[in-house]
Amino acid sequence: MPVFDLGVSVETNEGNIKSIQARVTTLMPGAACLFCRGRISGDVIAPEILQETNPSEFESQRKQGYIPELGTQAPAVIPFTSAIASFSINELLHRLSGYMGDDRVFLLFDDSRISRNSTPASPECVCSNRKKWGRGDTDPFLGLTWGSEE
């Protein structure tokens, strides 16, 4: 089950836009995961999950200084998110036909160029374990359990 992960990054300096970059990352068996690529971090994910699943514990840990402040600024990047969403369709078409090669794609809007990126999976990461590939077909999904919806 391939996953197309999209991201837009707006870097600013003293209120001025310094750069705008976007990426399409195709996640599938044999490809590096978002942890290997440095796109996500357990240090950021854990507090976000705690905030959603146990707000009182989150607040308690935040007051004690165990949880860093989470960035809540969300700039309006509609033209860029729309562009990268469209570009992800090209990535899907590529995965079906192979016309672009094996590399992952970055769009550098402020630099008017496209660059390719391919990152190998870390041997220590779960994404390198062939026995775990295709686990999306399990129940519960990936063998994971989540907080109940209330």
N, C-alpha and C. Protein backbone atom coordinates (compact mmCIF):
# COMPACT_ATOMS: atom_id res chain seq x y z
N MET A 1 0.85 -1.16 0.00
CA MET A 1 0.00 0.00 0.00
C MET A 1 0.90 1.24 0.00
N PRO A 2 1.13 1.85 -1.14
CA PRO A 2 1.96 3.05 -1.16
C PRO A 2 1.23 4.22 -0.50
N VAL A 3 2.02 5.09 0.10
CA VAL A 3 1.49 6.31 0.73
C VAL A 3 2.24 7.49 0.12
N PHE A 4 1.52 8.53 -0.24
CA PHE A 4 2.14 9.74 -0.74
C PHE A 4 2.02 10.79 0.36
N ASP A 5 3.15 11.15 0.94
CA ASP A 5 3.19 12.15 2.00
C ASP A 5 3.61 13.47 1.40
N LEU A 6 2.83 14.51 1.63
CA LEU A 6 3.09 15.82 1.05
C LEU A 6 3.45 16.80 2.14
N GLY A 7 4.31 17.73 1.84
CA GLY A 7 4.66 18.75 2.81
C GLY A 7 5.06 20.04 2.15
N VAL A 8 4.73 21.15 2.81
CA VAL A 8 5.14 22.48 2.37
C VAL A 8 5.81 23.15 3.56
N SER A 9 6.97 23.72 3.33
CA SER A 9 7.72 24.41 4.38
C SER A 9 7.95 25.85 3.96
N VAL A 10 7.54 26.77 4.84
CA VAL A 10 7.77 28.20 4.60
C VAL A 10 8.77 28.67 5.64
N GLU A 11 9.95 29.06 5.19
CA GLU A 11 10.99 29.55 6.10
C GLU A 11 10.98 31.07 6.06
N THR A 12 10.94 31.66 7.25
CA THR A 12 10.90 33.12 7.33
C THR A 12 12.07 33.64 8.14
N ASN A 13 12.36 34.91 7.95
CA ASN A 13 13.40 35.59 8.71
C ASN A 13 12.87 36.99 9.01
N GLU A 14 12.59 37.26 10.27
CA GLU A 14 12.08 38.56 10.71
C GLU A 14 10.84 38.97 9.93
N GLY A 15 9.93 38.03 9.73
CA GLY A 15 8.67 38.32 9.06
C GLY A 15 8.71 38.30 7.55
N ASN A 16 9.88 38.09 6.96
CA ASN A 16 10.00 38.01 5.51
C ASN A 16 10.19 36.57 5.08
N ILE A 17 9.55 36.20 3.97
CA ILE A 17 9.69 34.84 3.46
C ILE A 17 11.09 34.67 2.90
N LYS A 18 11.77 33.66 3.43
CA LYS A 18 13.14 33.35 2.98
C LYS A 18 13.12 32.26 1.91
N SER A 19 12.27 31.24 2.11
CA SER A 19 12.14 30.18 1.10
C SER A 19 10.82 29.46 1.29
N ILE A 20 10.35 28.85 0.23
CA ILE A 20 9.16 28.01 0.25
C ILE A 20 9.53 26.73 -0.49
N GLN A 21 9.45 25.64 0.23
CA GLN A 21 9.79 24.35 -0.36
C GLN A 21 8.64 23.38 -0.14
N ALA A 22 8.47 22.48 -1.07
CA ALA A 22 7.44 21.47 -0.96
C ALA A 22 8.04 20.14 -1.36
N ARG A 23 7.43 19.06 -0.87
CA ARG A 23 7.94 17.74 -1.21
C ARG A 23 6.80 16.75 -1.34
N VAL A 24 7.04 15.76 -2.16
CA VAL A 24 6.20 14.57 -2.26
C VAL A 24 7.10 13.41 -1.92
N THR A 25 6.75 12.68 -0.89
CA THR A 25 7.54 11.51 -0.50
C THR A 25 6.66 10.28 -0.70
N THR A 26 7.14 9.33 -1.48
CA THR A 26 6.41 8.09 -1.69
C THR A 26 6.93 7.06 -0.70
N LEU A 27 6.04 6.58 0.13
CA LEU A 27 6.39 5.58 1.14
C LEU A 27 5.83 4.24 0.68
N MET A 28 6.72 3.26 0.56
CA MET A 28 6.29 1.92 0.16
C MET A 28 7.37 0.93 0.58
N PRO A 29 7.09 -0.34 0.55
CA PRO A 29 8.08 -1.33 0.97
C PRO A 29 9.41 -1.12 0.26
N GLY A 30 10.48 -1.08 1.04
CA GLY A 30 11.82 -0.91 0.51
C GLY A 30 12.29 0.53 0.49
N ALA A 31 11.37 1.48 0.68
CA ALA A 31 11.73 2.90 0.70
C ALA A 31 11.91 3.35 2.15
N ALA A 32 12.75 4.34 2.35
CA ALA A 32 12.94 4.90 3.69
C ALA A 32 11.64 5.51 4.19
N CYS A 33 11.37 5.34 5.49
CA CYS A 33 10.17 5.91 6.09
C CYS A 33 10.41 7.38 6.45
N LEU A 34 9.39 8.03 6.98
CA LEU A 34 9.52 9.44 7.35
C LEU A 34 10.47 9.64 8.52
N PHE A 35 10.63 8.65 9.39
CA PHE A 35 11.63 8.75 10.46
C PHE A 35 13.04 8.73 9.87
N CYS A 36 13.32 7.78 8.97
CA CYS A 36 14.64 7.68 8.34
C CYS A 36 14.99 8.95 7.58
N ARG A 37 13.99 9.57 6.99
CA ARG A 37 14.22 10.77 6.20
C ARG A 37 14.31 12.03 7.06
N GLY A 38 14.06 11.90 8.36
CA GLY A 38 14.12 13.05 9.25
C GLY A 38 12.93 13.99 9.10
N ARG A 39 11.83 13.51 8.53
CA ARG A 39 10.64 14.34 8.34
C ARG A 39 9.77 14.39 9.59
N ILE A 40 9.81 13.33 10.39
CA ILE A 40 9.05 13.30 11.64
C ILE A 40 9.96 12.84 12.76
N SER A 41 9.56 13.16 13.97
CA SER A 41 10.35 12.83 15.15
C SER A 41 9.43 12.38 16.27
N GLY A 42 9.83 11.34 16.97
CA GLY A 42 9.05 10.87 18.12
C GLY A 42 8.94 11.94 19.20
N ASP A 43 9.95 12.80 19.30
CA ASP A 43 9.93 13.87 20.30
C ASP A 43 8.81 14.88 20.03
N VAL A 44 8.41 15.02 18.77
CA VAL A 44 7.33 15.93 18.42
C VAL A 44 5.99 15.20 18.42
N ILE A 45 5.99 13.95 17.93
CA ILE A 45 4.75 13.19 17.80
C ILE A 45 4.15 12.84 19.17
N ALA A 46 4.98 12.41 20.11
CA ALA A 46 4.47 11.97 21.42
C ALA A 46 3.63 13.05 22.11
N PRO A 47 4.12 14.29 22.22
CA PRO A 47 3.27 15.31 22.85
C PRO A 47 1.99 15.60 22.06
N GLU A 48 2.06 15.53 20.73
CA GLU A 48 0.86 15.78 19.93
C GLU A 48 -0.19 14.70 20.18
N ILE A 49 0.25 13.44 20.28
CA ILE A 49 -0.68 12.35 20.56
C ILE A 49 -1.25 12.50 21.97
N LEU A 50 -0.39 12.82 22.93
CA LEU A 50 -0.85 13.01 24.31
C LEU A 50 -1.85 14.15 24.40
N GLN A 51 -1.63 15.22 23.66
CA GLN A 51 -2.55 16.35 23.67
C GLN A 51 -3.93 15.93 23.17
N GLU A 52 -3.97 15.04 22.17
CA GLU A 52 -5.25 14.58 21.62
C GLU A 52 -5.92 13.52 22.48
N THR A 53 -5.13 12.62 23.06
CA THR A 53 -5.70 11.48 23.78
C THR A 53 -5.89 11.71 25.26
N ASN A 54 -5.08 12.58 25.87
CA ASN A 54 -5.18 12.82 27.31
C ASN A 54 -4.81 14.28 27.61
N PRO A 55 -5.72 15.21 27.31
CA PRO A 55 -5.40 16.63 27.46
C PRO A 55 -4.96 17.03 28.87
N SER A 56 -5.55 16.43 29.90
CA SER A 56 -5.17 16.81 31.27
C SER A 56 -3.74 16.38 31.58
N GLU A 57 -3.35 15.18 31.14
CA GLU A 57 -1.96 14.73 31.35
C GLU A 57 -1.00 15.57 30.53
N PHE A 58 -1.40 15.92 29.32
CA PHE A 58 -0.59 16.79 28.48
C PHE A 58 -0.33 18.11 29.20
N GLU A 59 -1.40 18.72 29.72
CA GLU A 59 -1.27 20.01 30.40
C GLU A 59 -0.41 19.90 31.64
N SER A 60 -0.56 18.80 32.36
CA SER A 60 0.26 18.58 33.55
C SER A 60 1.74 18.48 33.19
N GLN A 61 2.06 17.71 32.16
CA GLN A 61 3.46 17.57 31.73
C GLN A 61 4.01 18.86 31.15
N ARG A 62 3.15 19.63 30.45
CA ARG A 62 3.59 20.89 29.90
C ARG A 62 3.96 21.87 31.02
N LYS A 63 3.13 21.94 32.07
CA LYS A 63 3.39 22.83 33.20
C LYS A 63 4.67 22.45 33.94
N GLN A 64 4.98 21.15 33.94
CA GLN A 64 6.19 20.66 34.62
C GLN A 64 7.44 20.83 33.74
N GLY A 65 7.26 21.27 32.51
CA GLY A 65 8.39 21.50 31.62
C GLY A 65 8.85 20.29 30.85
N TYR A 66 8.06 19.21 30.85
CA TYR A 66 8.44 18.00 30.12
C TYR A 66 8.07 18.07 28.65
N ILE A 67 7.17 18.97 28.29
CA ILE A 67 6.71 19.07 26.91
C ILE A 67 7.04 20.45 26.38
N PRO A 68 7.77 20.53 25.28
CA PRO A 68 8.07 21.85 24.70
C PRO A 68 6.81 22.45 24.09
N GLU A 69 6.84 23.74 23.93
CA GLU A 69 5.72 24.42 23.29
C GLU A 69 5.56 23.89 21.87
N LEU A 70 4.34 23.62 21.48
CA LEU A 70 4.07 23.18 20.12
C LEU A 70 3.78 24.40 19.26
N GLY A 71 4.41 24.46 18.11
CA GLY A 71 4.15 25.58 17.21
C GLY A 71 2.73 25.52 16.69
N THR A 72 2.01 26.61 16.77
CA THR A 72 0.63 26.62 16.31
C THR A 72 0.42 27.57 15.14
N GLN A 73 1.47 28.23 14.69
CA GLN A 73 1.30 29.13 13.57
C GLN A 73 1.07 28.32 12.30
N ALA A 74 0.06 28.69 11.56
CA ALA A 74 -0.26 28.00 10.31
C ALA A 74 -0.45 29.04 9.22
N PRO A 75 0.61 29.36 8.49
CA PRO A 75 0.48 30.38 7.45
C PRO A 75 -0.43 29.90 6.32
N ALA A 76 -1.04 30.84 5.64
CA ALA A 76 -1.89 30.53 4.49
C ALA A 76 -0.99 30.20 3.31
N VAL A 77 -0.94 28.94 2.95
CA VAL A 77 -0.07 28.49 1.86
C VAL A 77 -0.89 27.76 0.80
N ILE A 78 -2.12 28.19 0.61
CA ILE A 78 -3.04 27.50 -0.29
C ILE A 78 -2.47 27.32 -1.69
N PRO A 79 -1.86 28.34 -2.32
CA PRO A 79 -1.33 28.11 -3.67
C PRO A 79 -0.25 27.02 -3.69
N PHE A 80 0.55 26.96 -2.63
CA PHE A 80 1.65 25.99 -2.60
C PHE A 80 1.15 24.59 -2.26
N THR A 81 0.21 24.49 -1.32
CA THR A 81 -0.33 23.17 -1.01
C THR A 81 -1.13 22.63 -2.18
N SER A 82 -1.83 23.50 -2.90
CA SER A 82 -2.56 23.07 -4.10
C SER A 82 -1.59 22.58 -5.17
N ALA A 83 -0.49 23.30 -5.35
CA ALA A 83 0.50 22.91 -6.36
C ALA A 83 1.13 21.57 -6.03
N ILE A 84 1.49 21.36 -4.77
CA ILE A 84 2.14 20.09 -4.41
C ILE A 84 1.13 18.94 -4.45
N ALA A 85 -0.14 19.22 -4.17
CA ALA A 85 -1.17 18.18 -4.30
C ALA A 85 -1.29 17.76 -5.76
N SER A 86 -1.27 18.73 -6.66
CA SER A 86 -1.31 18.41 -8.09
C SER A 86 -0.07 17.64 -8.50
N PHE A 87 1.08 18.05 -7.98
CA PHE A 87 2.32 17.37 -8.32
C PHE A 87 2.32 15.93 -7.80
N SER A 88 1.63 15.69 -6.67
CA SER A 88 1.57 14.33 -6.14
C SER A 88 0.81 13.41 -7.09
N ILE A 89 -0.13 13.95 -7.85
CA ILE A 89 -0.83 13.16 -8.87
C ILE A 89 0.17 12.73 -9.93
N ASN A 90 1.10 13.63 -10.29
CA ASN A 90 2.17 13.25 -11.22
C ASN A 90 3.00 12.12 -10.64
N GLU A 91 3.27 12.17 -9.34
CA GLU A 91 4.04 11.11 -8.69
C GLU A 91 3.28 9.79 -8.76
N LEU A 92 1.96 9.82 -8.54
CA LEU A 92 1.15 8.62 -8.66
C LEU A 92 1.23 8.06 -10.09
N LEU A 93 1.08 8.93 -11.07
CA LEU A 93 1.17 8.49 -12.47
C LEU A 93 2.54 7.90 -12.76
N HIS A 94 3.58 8.52 -12.19
CA HIS A 94 4.93 7.98 -12.34
C HIS A 94 5.02 6.58 -11.73
N ARG A 95 4.45 6.39 -10.56
CA ARG A 95 4.52 5.08 -9.91
C ARG A 95 3.78 4.03 -10.72
N LEU A 96 2.79 4.44 -11.47
CA LEU A 96 2.07 3.50 -12.33
C LEU A 96 2.80 3.24 -13.64
N SER A 97 3.55 4.24 -14.15
CA SER A 97 4.19 4.10 -15.46
C SER A 97 5.72 4.12 -15.43
N GLY A 98 6.32 4.73 -14.39
CA GLY A 98 7.78 4.77 -14.28
C GLY A 98 8.46 5.85 -15.10
N TYR A 99 7.77 6.88 -15.54
CA TYR A 99 8.37 7.85 -16.45
C TYR A 99 9.35 8.83 -15.80
N MET A 100 9.43 8.92 -14.45
CA MET A 100 10.31 9.91 -13.81
C MET A 100 11.56 9.33 -13.14
N GLY A 101 11.76 8.04 -13.14
CA GLY A 101 12.90 7.47 -12.42
C GLY A 101 12.54 7.13 -10.99
N ASP A 102 13.54 6.76 -10.18
CA ASP A 102 13.28 6.26 -8.83
C ASP A 102 13.37 7.30 -7.72
N ASP A 103 13.84 8.50 -8.00
CA ASP A 103 14.08 9.48 -6.94
C ASP A 103 12.80 10.14 -6.46
N ARG A 104 12.86 10.65 -5.23
CA ARG A 104 11.77 11.44 -4.67
C ARG A 104 11.92 12.88 -5.14
N VAL A 105 10.86 13.65 -5.03
CA VAL A 105 10.85 14.98 -5.65
C VAL A 105 10.64 16.08 -4.61
N PHE A 106 11.40 17.16 -4.75
CA PHE A 106 11.21 18.39 -3.98
C PHE A 106 10.90 19.51 -4.96
N LEU A 107 9.97 20.37 -4.63
CA LEU A 107 9.72 21.58 -5.42
C LEU A 107 10.21 22.76 -4.61
N LEU A 108 11.10 23.54 -5.17
CA LEU A 108 11.61 24.73 -4.52
C LEU A 108 10.94 25.92 -5.19
N PHE A 109 9.79 26.35 -4.67
CA PHE A 109 9.01 27.40 -5.31
C PHE A 109 9.79 28.70 -5.44
N ASP A 110 10.52 29.06 -4.38
CA ASP A 110 11.23 30.33 -4.39
C ASP A 110 12.44 30.30 -5.31
N ASP A 111 12.91 29.12 -5.67
CA ASP A 111 14.09 28.97 -6.51
C ASP A 111 13.72 28.54 -7.93
N SER A 112 12.43 28.31 -8.16
CA SER A 112 11.91 27.89 -9.45
C SER A 112 12.65 26.67 -10.01
N ARG A 113 12.80 25.66 -9.16
CA ARG A 113 13.44 24.44 -9.64
C ARG A 113 12.88 23.22 -8.92
N ILE A 114 13.10 22.11 -9.52
CA ILE A 114 12.71 20.82 -8.95
C ILE A 114 13.98 20.03 -8.70
N SER A 115 14.10 19.45 -7.54
CA SER A 115 15.27 18.60 -7.28
C SER A 115 14.77 17.23 -6.84
N ARG A 116 15.62 16.25 -6.99
CA ARG A 116 15.28 14.88 -6.62
C ARG A 116 16.04 14.48 -5.37
N ASN A 117 15.41 13.64 -4.59
CA ASN A 117 16.03 13.18 -3.36
C ASN A 117 15.70 11.71 -3.18
N SER A 118 16.69 10.94 -2.90
CA SER A 118 16.49 9.53 -2.59
C SER A 118 17.30 9.22 -1.34
N THR A 119 16.64 8.72 -0.33
CA THR A 119 17.28 8.43 0.94
C THR A 119 17.16 6.94 1.24
N PRO A 120 18.26 6.28 1.54
CA PRO A 120 18.15 4.85 1.89
C PRO A 120 17.57 4.70 3.30
N ALA A 121 16.89 3.60 3.51
CA ALA A 121 16.35 3.31 4.83
C ALA A 121 17.49 3.01 5.80
N SER A 122 17.31 3.41 7.05
CA SER A 122 18.29 3.10 8.09
C SER A 122 18.17 1.62 8.43
N PRO A 123 19.29 0.89 8.50
CA PRO A 123 19.21 -0.54 8.81
C PRO A 123 18.57 -0.84 10.16
N GLU A 124 18.62 0.12 11.09
CA GLU A 124 18.05 -0.09 12.42
C GLU A 124 16.55 0.19 12.48
N CYS A 125 16.00 0.80 11.43
CA CYS A 125 14.60 1.23 11.43
C CYS A 125 13.67 0.07 11.07
N VAL A 126 12.46 0.11 11.61
CA VAL A 126 11.47 -0.92 11.32
C VAL A 126 11.14 -0.98 9.83
N CYS A 127 11.31 0.13 9.10
CA CYS A 127 10.99 0.11 7.66
C CYS A 127 11.97 -0.76 6.86
N SER A 128 13.10 -1.13 7.46
CA SER A 128 14.06 -2.01 6.80
C SER A 128 13.74 -3.49 7.01
N ASN A 129 12.84 -3.78 7.92
CA ASN A 129 12.48 -5.15 8.26
C ASN A 129 11.45 -5.68 7.27
N ARG A 130 11.90 -6.54 6.35
CA ARG A 130 11.02 -7.07 5.31
C ARG A 130 9.81 -7.79 5.89
N LYS A 131 9.93 -8.34 7.10
CA LYS A 131 8.79 -9.04 7.72
C LYS A 131 7.66 -8.08 8.07
N LYS A 132 7.96 -6.80 8.17
CA LYS A 132 6.94 -5.79 8.51
C LYS A 132 6.27 -5.20 7.27
N TRP A 133 6.84 -5.42 6.09
CA TRP A 133 6.27 -4.86 4.87
C TRP A 133 4.89 -5.44 4.61
N GLY A 134 3.96 -4.62 4.17
CA GLY A 134 2.60 -5.08 3.86
C GLY A 134 1.73 -5.24 5.09
N ARG A 135 2.16 -4.74 6.24
CA ARG A 135 1.41 -4.91 7.47
C ARG A 135 0.15 -4.05 7.52
N GLY A 136 -0.06 -3.20 6.52
CA GLY A 136 -1.26 -2.38 6.50
C GLY A 136 -2.53 -3.20 6.33
N ASP A 137 -2.38 -4.47 5.95
CA ASP A 137 -3.54 -5.32 5.75
C ASP A 137 -3.97 -6.04 7.03
N THR A 138 -3.36 -5.70 8.17
CA THR A 138 -3.69 -6.37 9.42
C THR A 138 -4.78 -5.62 10.17
N ASP A 139 -5.41 -6.32 11.10
CA ASP A 139 -6.42 -5.71 11.95
C ASP A 139 -6.03 -5.93 13.40
N PRO A 140 -5.74 -4.90 14.17
CA PRO A 140 -5.82 -3.49 13.82
C PRO A 140 -4.70 -3.08 12.88
N PHE A 141 -4.93 -1.98 12.16
CA PHE A 141 -4.00 -1.48 11.16
C PHE A 141 -2.59 -1.38 11.72
N LEU A 142 -1.64 -2.03 11.06
CA LEU A 142 -0.23 -2.06 11.45
C LEU A 142 -0.01 -2.61 12.85
N GLY A 143 -1.02 -3.28 13.40
CA GLY A 143 -0.90 -3.83 14.75
C GLY A 143 -0.94 -2.76 15.83
N LEU A 144 -1.37 -1.55 15.46
CA LEU A 144 -1.39 -0.42 16.39
C LEU A 144 -2.78 -0.23 16.98
N THR A 145 -2.82 0.32 18.16
CA THR A 145 -4.10 0.71 18.76
C THR A 145 -4.05 2.20 19.05
N TRP A 146 -5.16 2.83 18.97
CA TRP A 146 -5.25 4.27 19.16
C TRP A 146 -6.25 4.57 20.25
N GLY A 147 -6.18 5.76 20.77
CA GLY A 147 -7.17 6.19 21.77
C GLY A 147 -8.56 6.14 21.18
N SER A 148 -9.54 5.83 22.02
CA SER A 148 -10.92 5.71 21.53
C SER A 148 -11.48 7.09 21.24
N GLU A 149 -12.35 7.13 20.24
CA GLU A 149 -13.05 8.37 19.89
C GLU A 149 -14.17 8.54 20.90
N GLU A 150 -14.25 9.70 21.51
CA GLU A 150 -15.32 9.90 22.50
C GLU A 150 -16.30 10.91 22.01
